[in-house]
PDB file of all heavy atoms in Angstrom:
ATOM      1  N   LYS A   1      -8.047  45.732-186.387  1.00  0.00           N
ATOM      2  CA  LYS A   1      -7.003  46.043-185.419  1.00  0.00           C
ATOM      3  C   LYS A   1      -7.518  46.969-184.322  1.00  0.00           C
ATOM      4  O   LYS A   1      -7.115  46.864-183.162  1.00  0.00           O
ATOM      5  CB  LYS A   1      -5.805  46.701-186.131  1.00  0.00           C
ATOM      6  CG  LYS A   1      -4.888  45.726-186.839  1.00  0.00           C
ATOM      7  CD  LYS A   1      -4.150  44.845-185.823  1.00  0.00           C
ATOM      8  CE  LYS A   1      -3.173  43.901-186.515  1.00  0.00           C
ATOM      9  NZ  LYS A   1      -2.503  43.009-185.520  1.00  0.00           N
ATOM     10  N   GLY A   2      -8.404  47.872-184.693  1.00  0.00           N
ATOM     11  CA  GLY A   2      -8.956  48.778-183.705  1.00  0.00           C
ATOM     12  C   GLY A   2      -9.671  48.038-182.590  1.00  0.00           C
ATOM     13  O   GLY A   2      -9.510  48.354-181.405  1.00  0.00           O
ATOM     14  N   GLU A   3     -10.465  47.033-182.958  1.00  0.00           N
ATOM     15  CA  GLU A   3     -11.158  46.231-181.949  1.00  0.00           C
ATOM     16  C   GLU A   3     -10.165  45.381-181.164  1.00  0.00           C
ATOM     17  O   GLU A   3     -10.282  45.239-179.944  1.00  0.00           O
ATOM     18  CB  GLU A   3     -12.205  45.350-182.625  1.00  0.00           C
ATOM     19  CG  GLU A   3     -13.365  46.134-183.193  1.00  0.00           C
ATOM     20  CD  GLU A   3     -14.451  45.240-183.754  1.00  0.00           C
ATOM     21  OE1 GLU A   3     -14.312  44.004-183.715  1.00  0.00           O
ATOM     22  OE2 GLU A   3     -15.451  45.787-184.242  1.00  0.00           O
ATOM     23  N   GLU A   4      -9.208  44.817-181.863  1.00  0.00           N
ATOM     24  CA  GLU A   4      -8.221  43.958-181.201  1.00  0.00           C
ATOM     25  C   GLU A   4      -7.418  44.741-180.158  1.00  0.00           C
ATOM     26  O   GLU A   4      -7.124  44.236-179.074  1.00  0.00           O
ATOM     27  CB  GLU A   4      -7.275  43.372-182.258  1.00  0.00           C
ATOM     28  CG  GLU A   4      -6.263  42.391-181.716  1.00  0.00           C
ATOM     29  CD  GLU A   4      -5.372  41.818-182.806  1.00  0.00           C
ATOM     30  OE1 GLU A   4      -5.835  41.733-183.968  1.00  0.00           O
ATOM     31  OE2 GLU A   4      -4.223  41.459-182.497  1.00  0.00           O
ATOM     32  N   ASN A   5      -7.085  45.987-180.493  1.00  0.00           N
ATOM     33  CA  ASN A   5      -6.272  46.803-179.591  1.00  0.00           C
ATOM     34  C   ASN A   5      -7.079  47.414-178.445  1.00  0.00           C
ATOM     35  O   ASN A   5      -6.504  48.007-177.530  1.00  0.00           O
ATOM     36  CB  ASN A   5      -5.582  47.920-180.376  1.00  0.00           C
ATOM     37  CG  ASN A   5      -4.560  47.385-181.363  1.00  0.00           C
ATOM     38  OD1 ASN A   5      -4.039  46.292-181.196  1.00  0.00           O
ATOM     39  ND2 ASN A   5      -4.280  48.154-182.404  1.00  0.00           N
ATOM     40  N   ASN A   6      -8.403  47.299-178.509  1.00  0.00           N
ATOM     41  CA  ASN A   6      -9.248  47.880-177.469  1.00  0.00           C
ATOM     42  C   ASN A   6     -10.137  46.828-176.801  1.00  0.00           C
ATOM     43  O   ASN A   6     -11.274  47.110-176.414  1.00  0.00           O
ATOM     44  CB  ASN A   6     -10.110  48.989-178.067  1.00  0.00           C
ATOM     45  CG  ASN A   6      -9.315  50.246-178.348  1.00  0.00           C
ATOM     46  OD1 ASN A   6      -9.057  51.045-177.456  1.00  0.00           O
ATOM     47  ND2 ASN A   6      -8.903  50.412-179.599  1.00  0.00           N
ATOM     48  N   THR A   7      -9.593  45.648-176.658  1.00  0.00           N
ATOM     49  CA  THR A   7     -10.344  44.546-176.047  1.00  0.00           C
ATOM     50  C   THR A   7     -10.873  44.918-174.663  1.00  0.00           C
ATOM     51  O   THR A   7     -11.999  44.586-174.304  1.00  0.00           O
ATOM     52  CB  THR A   7      -9.453  43.299-175.951  1.00  0.00           C
ATOM     53  OG1 THR A   7      -9.103  42.879-177.277  1.00  0.00           O
ATOM     54  CG2 THR A   7     -10.180  42.157-175.250  1.00  0.00           C
ATOM     55  N   PHE A   8     -10.059  45.620-173.896  1.00  0.00           N
ATOM     56  CA  PHE A   8     -10.477  45.986-172.544  1.00  0.00           C
ATOM     57  C   PHE A   8     -10.706  47.492-172.413  1.00  0.00           C
ATOM     58  O   PHE A   8     -10.590  48.066-171.335  1.00  0.00           O
ATOM     59  CB  PHE A   8      -9.441  45.486-171.535  1.00  0.00           C
ATOM     60  CG  PHE A   8      -9.321  43.987-171.545  1.00  0.00           C
ATOM     61  CD1 PHE A   8      -8.255  43.357-172.167  1.00  0.00           C
ATOM     62  CD2 PHE A   8     -10.311  43.200-170.966  1.00  0.00           C
ATOM     63  CE1 PHE A   8      -8.159  41.968-172.197  1.00  0.00           C
ATOM     64  CE2 PHE A   8     -10.215  41.819-170.979  1.00  0.00           C
ATOM     65  CZ  PHE A   8      -9.143  41.202-171.603  1.00  0.00           C
ATOM     66  N   ASN A   9     -11.026  48.106-173.548  1.00  0.00           N
ATOM     67  CA  ASN A   9     -11.363  49.535-173.558  1.00  0.00           C
ATOM     68  C   ASN A   9     -12.578  49.728-174.462  1.00  0.00           C
ATOM     69  O   ASN A   9     -12.558  50.510-175.397  1.00  0.00           O
ATOM     70  CB  ASN A   9     -10.172  50.358-174.065  1.00  0.00           C
ATOM     71  CG  ASN A   9     -10.426  51.846-173.952  1.00  0.00           C
ATOM     72  OD1 ASN A   9     -11.148  52.304-173.070  1.00  0.00           O
ATOM     73  ND2 ASN A   9      -9.846  52.607-174.871  1.00  0.00           N
ATOM     74  N   LEU A  10     -13.628  48.975-174.162  1.00  0.00           N
ATOM     75  CA  LEU A  10     -14.824  49.000-174.995  1.00  0.00           C
ATOM     76  C   LEU A  10     -15.585  50.312-174.815  1.00  0.00           C
ATOM     77  O   LEU A  10     -15.487  50.967-173.779  1.00  0.00           O
ATOM     78  CB  LEU A  10     -15.719  47.809-174.646  1.00  0.00           C
ATOM     79  CG  LEU A  10     -15.090  46.439-174.924  1.00  0.00           C
ATOM     80  CD1 LEU A  10     -15.966  45.327-174.371  1.00  0.00           C
ATOM     81  CD2 LEU A  10     -14.883  46.238-176.413  1.00  0.00           C
ATOM     82  N   PRO A  11     -16.329  50.736-175.844  1.00  0.00           N
ATOM     83  CA  PRO A  11     -16.951  52.063-175.816  1.00  0.00           C
ATOM     84  C   PRO A  11     -18.035  52.212-174.751  1.00  0.00           C
ATOM     85  O   PRO A  11     -18.787  51.278-174.467  1.00  0.00           O
ATOM     86  CB  PRO A  11     -17.556  52.188-177.222  1.00  0.00           C
ATOM     87  CG  PRO A  11     -17.743  50.777-177.680  1.00  0.00           C
ATOM     88  CD  PRO A  11     -16.599  50.021-177.099  1.00  0.00           C
ATOM     89  N   ASN A  12     -18.097  53.398-174.174  1.00  0.00           N
ATOM     90  CA  ASN A  12     -19.181  53.770-173.279  1.00  0.00           C
ATOM     91  C   ASN A  12     -20.362  54.168-174.170  1.00  0.00           C
ATOM     92  O   ASN A  12     -20.372  55.241-174.778  1.00  0.00           O
ATOM     93  CB  ASN A  12     -18.753  54.945-172.394  1.00  0.00           C
ATOM     94  CG  ASN A  12     -19.824  55.366-171.411  1.00  0.00           C
ATOM     95  OD1 ASN A  12     -21.008  55.437-171.748  1.00  0.00           O
ATOM     96  ND2 ASN A  12     -19.413  55.680-170.196  1.00  0.00           N
ATOM     97  N   ARG A  13     -21.353  53.317-174.263  1.00  0.00           N
ATOM     98  CA  ARG A  13     -22.424  53.522-175.244  1.00  0.00           C
ATOM     99  C   ARG A  13     -23.319  54.708-174.918  1.00  0.00           C
ATOM    100  O   ARG A  13     -23.763  55.415-175.825  1.00  0.00           O
ATOM    101  CB  ARG A  13     -23.222  52.228-175.393  1.00  0.00           C
ATOM    102  CG  ARG A  13     -22.411  51.144-176.119  1.00  0.00           C
ATOM    103  CD  ARG A  13     -23.003  49.764-175.970  1.00  0.00           C
ATOM    104  NE  ARG A  13     -22.761  49.234-174.633  1.00  0.00           N
ATOM    105  CZ  ARG A  13     -22.975  47.964-174.299  1.00  0.00           C
ATOM    106  NH1 ARG A  13     -23.431  47.101-175.180  1.00  0.00           N
ATOM    107  NH2 ARG A  13     -22.732  47.534-173.078  1.00  0.00           N
ATOM    108  N   LEU A  14     -23.577  54.956-173.644  1.00  0.00           N
ATOM    109  CA  LEU A  14     -24.383  56.122-173.279  1.00  0.00           C
ATOM    110  C   LEU A  14     -23.660  57.416-173.664  1.00  0.00           C
ATOM    111  O   LEU A  14     -24.266  58.333-174.228  1.00  0.00           O
ATOM    112  CB  LEU A  14     -24.685  56.107-171.784  1.00  0.00           C
ATOM    113  CG  LEU A  14     -25.470  57.306-171.236  1.00  0.00           C
ATOM    114  CD1 LEU A  14     -26.780  57.489-171.980  1.00  0.00           C
ATOM    115  CD2 LEU A  14     -25.720  57.146-169.744  1.00  0.00           C
ATOM    116  N   LEU A  15     -22.380  57.488-173.379  1.00  0.00           N
ATOM    117  CA  LEU A  15     -21.593  58.656-173.762  1.00  0.00           C
ATOM    118  C   LEU A  15     -21.571  58.819-175.278  1.00  0.00           C
ATOM    119  O   LEU A  15     -21.722  59.931-175.802  1.00  0.00           O
ATOM    120  CB  LEU A  15     -20.163  58.523-173.227  1.00  0.00           C
ATOM    121  CG  LEU A  15     -19.172  59.619-173.646  1.00  0.00           C
ATOM    122  CD1 LEU A  15     -19.634  60.981-173.149  1.00  0.00           C
ATOM    123  CD2 LEU A  15     -17.768  59.299-173.120  1.00  0.00           C
ATOM    124  N   ALA A  16     -21.397  57.700-175.992  1.00  0.00           N
ATOM    125  CA  ALA A  16     -21.344  57.754-177.457  1.00  0.00           C
ATOM    126  C   ALA A  16     -22.661  58.243-178.050  1.00  0.00           C
ATOM    127  O   ALA A  16     -22.675  59.027-179.007  1.00  0.00           O
ATOM    128  CB  ALA A  16     -20.981  56.382-178.015  1.00  0.00           C
ATOM    129  N   VAL A  17     -23.777  57.792-177.504  1.00  0.00           N
ATOM    130  CA  VAL A  17     -25.090  58.254-177.986  1.00  0.00           C
ATOM    131  C   VAL A  17     -25.233  59.754-177.758  1.00  0.00           C
ATOM    132  O   VAL A  17     -25.704  60.493-178.628  1.00  0.00           O
ATOM    133  CB  VAL A  17     -26.236  57.485-177.296  1.00  0.00           C
ATOM    134  CG1 VAL A  17     -27.582  58.131-177.610  1.00  0.00           C
ATOM    135  CG2 VAL A  17     -26.251  56.031-177.759  1.00  0.00           C
ATOM    136  N   SER A  18     -24.813  60.239-176.599  1.00  0.00           N
ATOM    137  CA  SER A  18     -24.884  61.666-176.297  1.00  0.00           C
ATOM    138  C   SER A  18     -24.013  62.475-177.259  1.00  0.00           C
ATOM    139  O   SER A  18     -24.403  63.563-177.702  1.00  0.00           O
ATOM    140  CB  SER A  18     -24.443  61.923-174.849  1.00  0.00           C
ATOM    141  OG  SER A  18     -25.293  61.268-173.935  1.00  0.00           O
ATOM    142  N   GLN A  19     -22.847  61.950-177.580  1.00  0.00           N
ATOM    143  CA  GLN A  19     -21.960  62.640-178.515  1.00  0.00           C
ATOM    144  C   GLN A  19     -22.564  62.671-179.922  1.00  0.00           C
ATOM    145  O   GLN A  19     -22.456  63.687-180.630  1.00  0.00           O
ATOM    146  CB  GLN A  19     -20.591  61.963-178.527  1.00  0.00           C
ATOM    147  CG  GLN A  19     -19.818  62.160-177.232  1.00  0.00           C
ATOM    148  CD  GLN A  19     -18.553  61.326-177.164  1.00  0.00           C
ATOM    149  OE1 GLN A  19     -18.425  60.290-177.827  1.00  0.00           O
ATOM    150  NE2 GLN A  19     -17.603  61.770-176.361  1.00  0.00           N
ATOM    151  N   HIS A  20     -23.208  61.590-180.324  1.00  0.00           N
ATOM    152  CA  HIS A  20     -23.873  61.566-181.626  1.00  0.00           C
ATOM    153  C   HIS A  20     -25.053  62.538-181.648  1.00  0.00           C
ATOM    154  O   HIS A  20     -25.336  63.156-182.686  1.00  0.00           O
ATOM    155  CB  HIS A  20     -24.335  60.149-181.967  1.00  0.00           C
ATOM    156  CG  HIS A  20     -23.275  59.320-182.625  1.00  0.00           C
ATOM    157  ND1 HIS A  20     -22.130  58.942-181.973  1.00  0.00           N
ATOM    158  CD2 HIS A  20     -23.181  58.818-183.887  1.00  0.00           C
ATOM    159  CE1 HIS A  20     -21.374  58.229-182.800  1.00  0.00           C
ATOM    160  NE2 HIS A  20     -21.981  58.147-183.957  1.00  0.00           N
ATOM    161  N   GLU A  21     -25.745  62.663-180.530  1.00  0.00           N
ATOM    162  CA  GLU A  21     -26.833  63.628-180.429  1.00  0.00           C
ATOM    163  C   GLU A  21     -26.307  65.041-180.705  1.00  0.00           C
ATOM    164  O   GLU A  21     -26.918  65.820-181.463  1.00  0.00           O
ATOM    165  CB  GLU A  21     -27.470  63.555-179.055  1.00  0.00           C
ATOM    166  CG  GLU A  21     -28.590  64.565-178.838  1.00  0.00           C
ATOM    167  CD  GLU A  21     -29.074  64.599-177.402  1.00  0.00           C
ATOM    168  OE1 GLU A  21     -28.465  63.931-176.533  1.00  0.00           O
ATOM    169  OE2 GLU A  21     -30.072  65.301-177.151  1.00  0.00           O
ATOM    170  N   ALA A  22     -25.172  65.372-180.102  1.00  0.00           N
ATOM    171  CA  ALA A  22     -24.567  66.683-180.320  1.00  0.00           C
ATOM    172  C   ALA A  22     -24.134  66.853-181.772  1.00  0.00           C
ATOM    173  O   ALA A  22     -24.304  67.928-182.371  1.00  0.00           O
ATOM    174  CB  ALA A  22     -23.372  66.861-179.384  1.00  0.00           C
ATOM    175  N   PHE A  23     -23.588  65.790-182.363  1.00  0.00           N
ATOM    176  CA  PHE A  23     -23.153  65.819-183.760  1.00  0.00           C
ATOM    177  C   PHE A  23     -24.333  66.060-184.693  1.00  0.00           C
ATOM    178  O   PHE A  23     -24.258  66.867-185.628  1.00  0.00           O
ATOM    179  CB  PHE A  23     -22.457  64.498-184.083  1.00  0.00           C
ATOM    180  CG  PHE A  23     -21.925  64.398-185.484  1.00  0.00           C
ATOM    181  CD1 PHE A  23     -21.308  65.460-186.092  1.00  0.00           C
ATOM    182  CD2 PHE A  23     -22.045  63.206-186.198  1.00  0.00           C
ATOM    183  CE1 PHE A  23     -20.803  65.364-187.395  1.00  0.00           C
ATOM    184  CE2 PHE A  23     -21.559  63.097-187.487  1.00  0.00           C
ATOM    185  CZ  PHE A  23     -20.937  64.175-188.084  1.00  0.00           C
ATOM    186  N   ILE A  24     -25.447  65.385-184.419  1.00  0.00           N
ATOM    187  CA  ILE A  24     -26.655  65.573-185.217  1.00  0.00           C
ATOM    188  C   ILE A  24     -27.117  67.031-185.125  1.00  0.00           C
ATOM    189  O   ILE A  24     -27.490  67.653-186.118  1.00  0.00           O
ATOM    190  CB  ILE A  24     -27.769  64.619-184.751  1.00  0.00           C
ATOM    191  CG1 ILE A  24     -27.430  63.186-185.150  1.00  0.00           C
ATOM    192  CG2 ILE A  24     -29.125  65.019-185.355  1.00  0.00           C
ATOM    193  CD1 ILE A  24     -28.351  62.142-184.550  1.00  0.00           C
ATOM    194  N   GLY A  25     -27.078  67.575-183.924  1.00  0.00           N
ATOM    195  CA  GLY A  25     -27.475  68.967-183.734  1.00  0.00           C
ATOM    196  C   GLY A  25     -26.618  69.923-184.539  1.00  0.00           C
ATOM    197  O   GLY A  25     -27.125  70.898-185.115  1.00  0.00           O
ATOM    198  N   ILE A  26     -25.323  69.663-184.609  1.00  0.00           N
ATOM    199  CA  ILE A  26     -24.417  70.516-185.392  1.00  0.00           C
ATOM    200  C   ILE A  26     -24.773  70.454-186.877  1.00  0.00           C
ATOM    201  O   ILE A  26     -24.842  71.486-187.559  1.00  0.00           O
ATOM    202  CB  ILE A  26     -22.954  70.089-185.170  1.00  0.00           C
ATOM    203  CG1 ILE A  26     -22.514  70.416-183.740  1.00  0.00           C
ATOM    204  CG2 ILE A  26     -22.030  70.772-186.176  1.00  0.00           C
ATOM    205  CD1 ILE A  26     -21.173  69.843-183.355  1.00  0.00           C
ATOM    206  N   MET A  27     -25.004  69.243-187.388  1.00  0.00           N
ATOM    207  CA  MET A  27     -25.346  69.108-188.810  1.00  0.00           C
ATOM    208  C   MET A  27     -26.658  69.814-189.126  1.00  0.00           C
ATOM    209  O   MET A  27     -26.765  70.528-190.132  1.00  0.00           O
ATOM    210  CB  MET A  27     -25.404  67.629-189.196  1.00  0.00           C
ATOM    211  CG  MET A  27     -24.043  66.971-189.257  1.00  0.00           C
ATOM    212  SD  MET A  27     -24.076  65.339-190.023  1.00  0.00           S
ATOM    213  CE  MET A  27     -24.898  64.407-188.746  1.00  0.00           C
ATOM    214  N   LEU A  28     -27.656  69.640-188.277  1.00  0.00           N
ATOM    215  CA  LEU A  28     -28.948  70.285-188.511  1.00  0.00           C
ATOM    216  C   LEU A  28     -28.815  71.802-188.461  1.00  0.00           C
ATOM    217  O   LEU A  28     -29.474  72.517-189.231  1.00  0.00           O
ATOM    218  CB  LEU A  28     -29.965  69.808-187.480  1.00  0.00           C
ATOM    219  CG  LEU A  28     -30.383  68.333-187.609  1.00  0.00           C
ATOM    220  CD1 LEU A  28     -31.154  67.889-186.369  1.00  0.00           C
ATOM    221  CD2 LEU A  28     -31.230  68.112-188.855  1.00  0.00           C
ATOM    222  N   SER A  29     -27.956  72.312-187.592  1.00  0.00           N
ATOM    223  CA  SER A  29     -27.755  73.755-187.493  1.00  0.00           C
ATOM    224  C   SER A  29     -27.129  74.327-188.756  1.00  0.00           C
ATOM    225  O   SER A  29     -27.225  75.528-189.019  1.00  0.00           O
ATOM    226  CB  SER A  29     -26.875  74.092-186.283  1.00  0.00           C
ATOM    227  OG  SER A  29     -25.526  73.717-186.508  1.00  0.00           O
ATOM    228  N   GLN A  30     -26.481  73.460-189.535  1.00  0.00           N
ATOM    229  CA  GLN A  30     -25.860  73.880-190.793  1.00  0.00           C
ATOM    230  C   GLN A  30     -26.764  73.618-192.001  1.00  0.00           C
ATOM    231  O   GLN A  30     -26.333  73.735-193.143  1.00  0.00           O
ATOM    232  CB  GLN A  30     -24.524  73.153-190.980  1.00  0.00           C
ATOM    233  CG  GLN A  30     -23.503  73.438-189.897  1.00  0.00           C
ATOM    234  CD  GLN A  30     -23.166  74.909-189.789  1.00  0.00           C
ATOM    235  OE1 GLN A  30     -22.823  75.548-190.789  1.00  0.00           O
ATOM    236  NE2 GLN A  30     -23.261  75.469-188.588  1.00  0.00           N
ATOM    237  N   GLY A  31     -28.010  73.238-191.727  1.00  0.00           N
ATOM    238  CA  GLY A  31     -28.966  73.011-192.805  1.00  0.00           C
ATOM    239  C   GLY A  31     -28.841  71.665-193.481  1.00  0.00           C
ATOM    240  O   GLY A  31     -29.354  71.470-194.587  1.00  0.00           O
ATOM    241  N   ILE A  32     -28.169  70.713-192.847  1.00  0.00           N
ATOM    242  CA  ILE A  32     -28.006  69.367-193.404  1.00  0.00           C
ATOM    243  C   ILE A  32     -29.152  68.488-192.925  1.00  0.00           C
ATOM    244  O   ILE A  32     -29.397  68.384-191.725  1.00  0.00           O
ATOM    245  CB  ILE A  32     -26.665  68.754-192.975  1.00  0.00           C
ATOM    246  CG1 ILE A  32     -25.503  69.624-193.463  1.00  0.00           C
ATOM    247  CG2 ILE A  32     -26.524  67.323-193.498  1.00  0.00           C
ATOM    248  CD1 ILE A  32     -24.159  69.229-192.893  1.00  0.00           C
ATOM    249  N   LYS A  33     -29.861  67.866-193.859  1.00  0.00           N
ATOM    250  CA  LYS A  33     -30.932  66.955-193.483  1.00  0.00           C
ATOM    251  C   LYS A  33     -30.333  65.629-193.020  1.00  0.00           C
ATOM    252  O   LYS A  33     -29.401  65.105-193.626  1.00  0.00           O
ATOM    253  CB  LYS A  33     -31.882  66.702-194.655  1.00  0.00           C
ATOM    254  CG  LYS A  33     -33.023  65.762-194.287  1.00  0.00           C
ATOM    255  CD  LYS A  33     -34.042  65.605-195.383  1.00  0.00           C
ATOM    256  CE  LYS A  33     -35.154  64.646-194.945  1.00  0.00           C
ATOM    257  NZ  LYS A  33     -36.205  64.487-195.962  1.00  0.00           N
ATOM    258  N   VAL A  34     -30.893  65.067-191.939  1.00  0.00           N
ATOM    259  CA  VAL A  34     -30.381  63.828-191.367  1.00  0.00           C
ATOM    260  C   VAL A  34     -31.434  62.727-191.481  1.00  0.00           C
ATOM    261  O   VAL A  34     -32.576  62.906-191.064  1.00  0.00           O
ATOM    262  CB  VAL A  34     -30.001  64.010-189.885  1.00  0.00           C
ATOM    263  CG1 VAL A  34     -29.582  62.680-189.266  1.00  0.00           C
ATOM    264  CG2 VAL A  34     -28.879  65.033-189.745  1.00  0.00           C
ATOM    265  N   ILE A  35     -31.037  61.611-192.082  1.00  0.00           N
ATOM    266  CA  ILE A  35     -31.865  60.409-192.110  1.00  0.00           C
ATOM    267  C   ILE A  35     -31.258  59.449-191.099  1.00  0.00           C
ATOM    268  O   ILE A  35     -30.105  59.028-191.235  1.00  0.00           O
ATOM    269  CB  ILE A  35     -31.880  59.773-193.508  1.00  0.00           C
ATOM    270  CG1 ILE A  35     -32.405  60.768-194.547  1.00  0.00           C
ATOM    271  CG2 ILE A  35     -32.734  58.505-193.511  1.00  0.00           C
ATOM    272  CD1 ILE A  35     -32.159  60.342-195.972  1.00  0.00           C
ATOM    273  N   LEU A  36     -32.028  59.129-190.074  1.00  0.00           N
ATOM    274  CA  LEU A  36     -31.503  58.323-188.978  1.00  0.00           C
ATOM    275  C   LEU A  36     -32.072  56.914-189.032  1.00  0.00           C
ATOM    276  O   LEU A  36     -33.272  56.700-188.895  1.00  0.00           O
ATOM    277  CB  LEU A  36     -31.863  58.981-187.643  1.00  0.00           C
ATOM    278  CG  LEU A  36     -31.177  58.422-186.400  1.00  0.00           C
ATOM    279  CD1 LEU A  36     -29.673  58.677-186.451  1.00  0.00           C
ATOM    280  CD2 LEU A  36     -31.771  59.044-185.148  1.00  0.00           C
ATOM    281  N   LEU A  37     -31.182  55.947-189.264  1.00  0.00           N
ATOM    282  CA  LEU A  37     -31.573  54.534-189.222  1.00  0.00           C
ATOM    283  C   LEU A  37     -31.690  54.107-187.763  1.00  0.00           C
ATOM    284  O   LEU A  37     -30.759  54.285-186.980  1.00  0.00           O
ATOM    285  CB  LEU A  37     -30.527  53.682-189.929  1.00  0.00           C
ATOM    286  CG  LEU A  37     -30.510  53.756-191.461  1.00  0.00           C
ATOM    287  CD1 LEU A  37     -29.180  53.248-191.992  1.00  0.00           C
ATOM    288  CD2 LEU A  37     -31.654  52.953-192.042  1.00  0.00           C
ATOM    289  N   LYS A  38     -32.837  53.560-187.401  1.00  0.00           N
ATOM    290  CA  LYS A  38     -33.030  53.131-186.021  1.00  0.00           C
ATOM    291  C   LYS A  38     -31.985  52.084-185.647  1.00  0.00           C
ATOM    292  O   LYS A  38     -31.788  51.105-186.366  1.00  0.00           O
ATOM    293  CB  LYS A  38     -34.432  52.537-185.833  1.00  0.00           C
ATOM    294  CG  LYS A  38     -35.523  53.559-185.652  1.00  0.00           C
ATOM    295  CD  LYS A  38     -36.825  52.872-185.286  1.00  0.00           C
ATOM    296  CE  LYS A  38     -37.935  53.880-185.050  1.00  0.00           C
ATOM    297  NZ  LYS A  38     -39.210  53.202-184.684  1.00  0.00           N
ATOM    298  N   PRO A  39     -31.305  52.273-184.522  1.00  0.00           N
ATOM    299  CA  PRO A  39     -30.330  51.259-184.092  1.00  0.00           C
ATOM    300  C   PRO A  39     -31.031  49.972-183.692  1.00  0.00           C
ATOM    301  O   PRO A  39     -32.197  49.984-183.294  1.00  0.00           O
ATOM    302  CB  PRO A  39     -29.641  51.925-182.897  1.00  0.00           C
ATOM    303  CG  PRO A  39     -30.630  52.920-182.391  1.00  0.00           C
ATOM    304  CD  PRO A  39     -31.396  53.407-183.584  1.00  0.00           C
ATOM    305  N   SER A  40     -30.308  48.867-183.832  1.00  0.00           N
ATOM    306  CA  SER A  40     -30.876  47.559-183.518  1.00  0.00           C
ATOM    307  C   SER A  40     -29.840  46.699-182.818  1.00  0.00           C
ATOM    308  O   SER A  40     -28.641  46.749-183.147  1.00  0.00           O
ATOM    309  CB  SER A  40     -31.330  46.865-184.808  1.00  0.00           C
ATOM    310  OG  SER A  40     -31.603  45.496-184.587  1.00  0.00           O
ATOM    311  N   GLU A  41     -30.295  45.903-181.868  1.00  0.00           N
ATOM    312  CA  GLU A  41     -29.392  44.990-181.163  1.00  0.00           C
ATOM    313  C   GLU A  41     -28.822  43.939-182.105  1.00  0.00           C
ATOM    314  O   GLU A  41     -27.793  43.325-181.821  1.00  0.00           O
ATOM    315  CB  GLU A  41     -30.126  44.326-179.998  1.00  0.00           C
ATOM    316  CG  GLU A  41     -29.217  43.613-179.030  1.00  0.00           C
ATOM    317  CD  GLU A  41     -29.939  43.096-177.803  1.00  0.00           C
ATOM    318  OE1 GLU A  41     -31.144  43.389-177.639  1.00  0.00           O
ATOM    319  OE2 GLU A  41     -29.301  42.398-176.997  1.00  0.00           O
TER     320      GLU A  41
END
């Protein structure tokens, strides 16, 4: 339903990557180890 309701409001991928970068930084600052799976098309 989330995808269906956002047909014409698709995610800004550059913004999303930047937000995930910030999220990763927060986790690392709290001593959480991060295993990052390389994204793939």
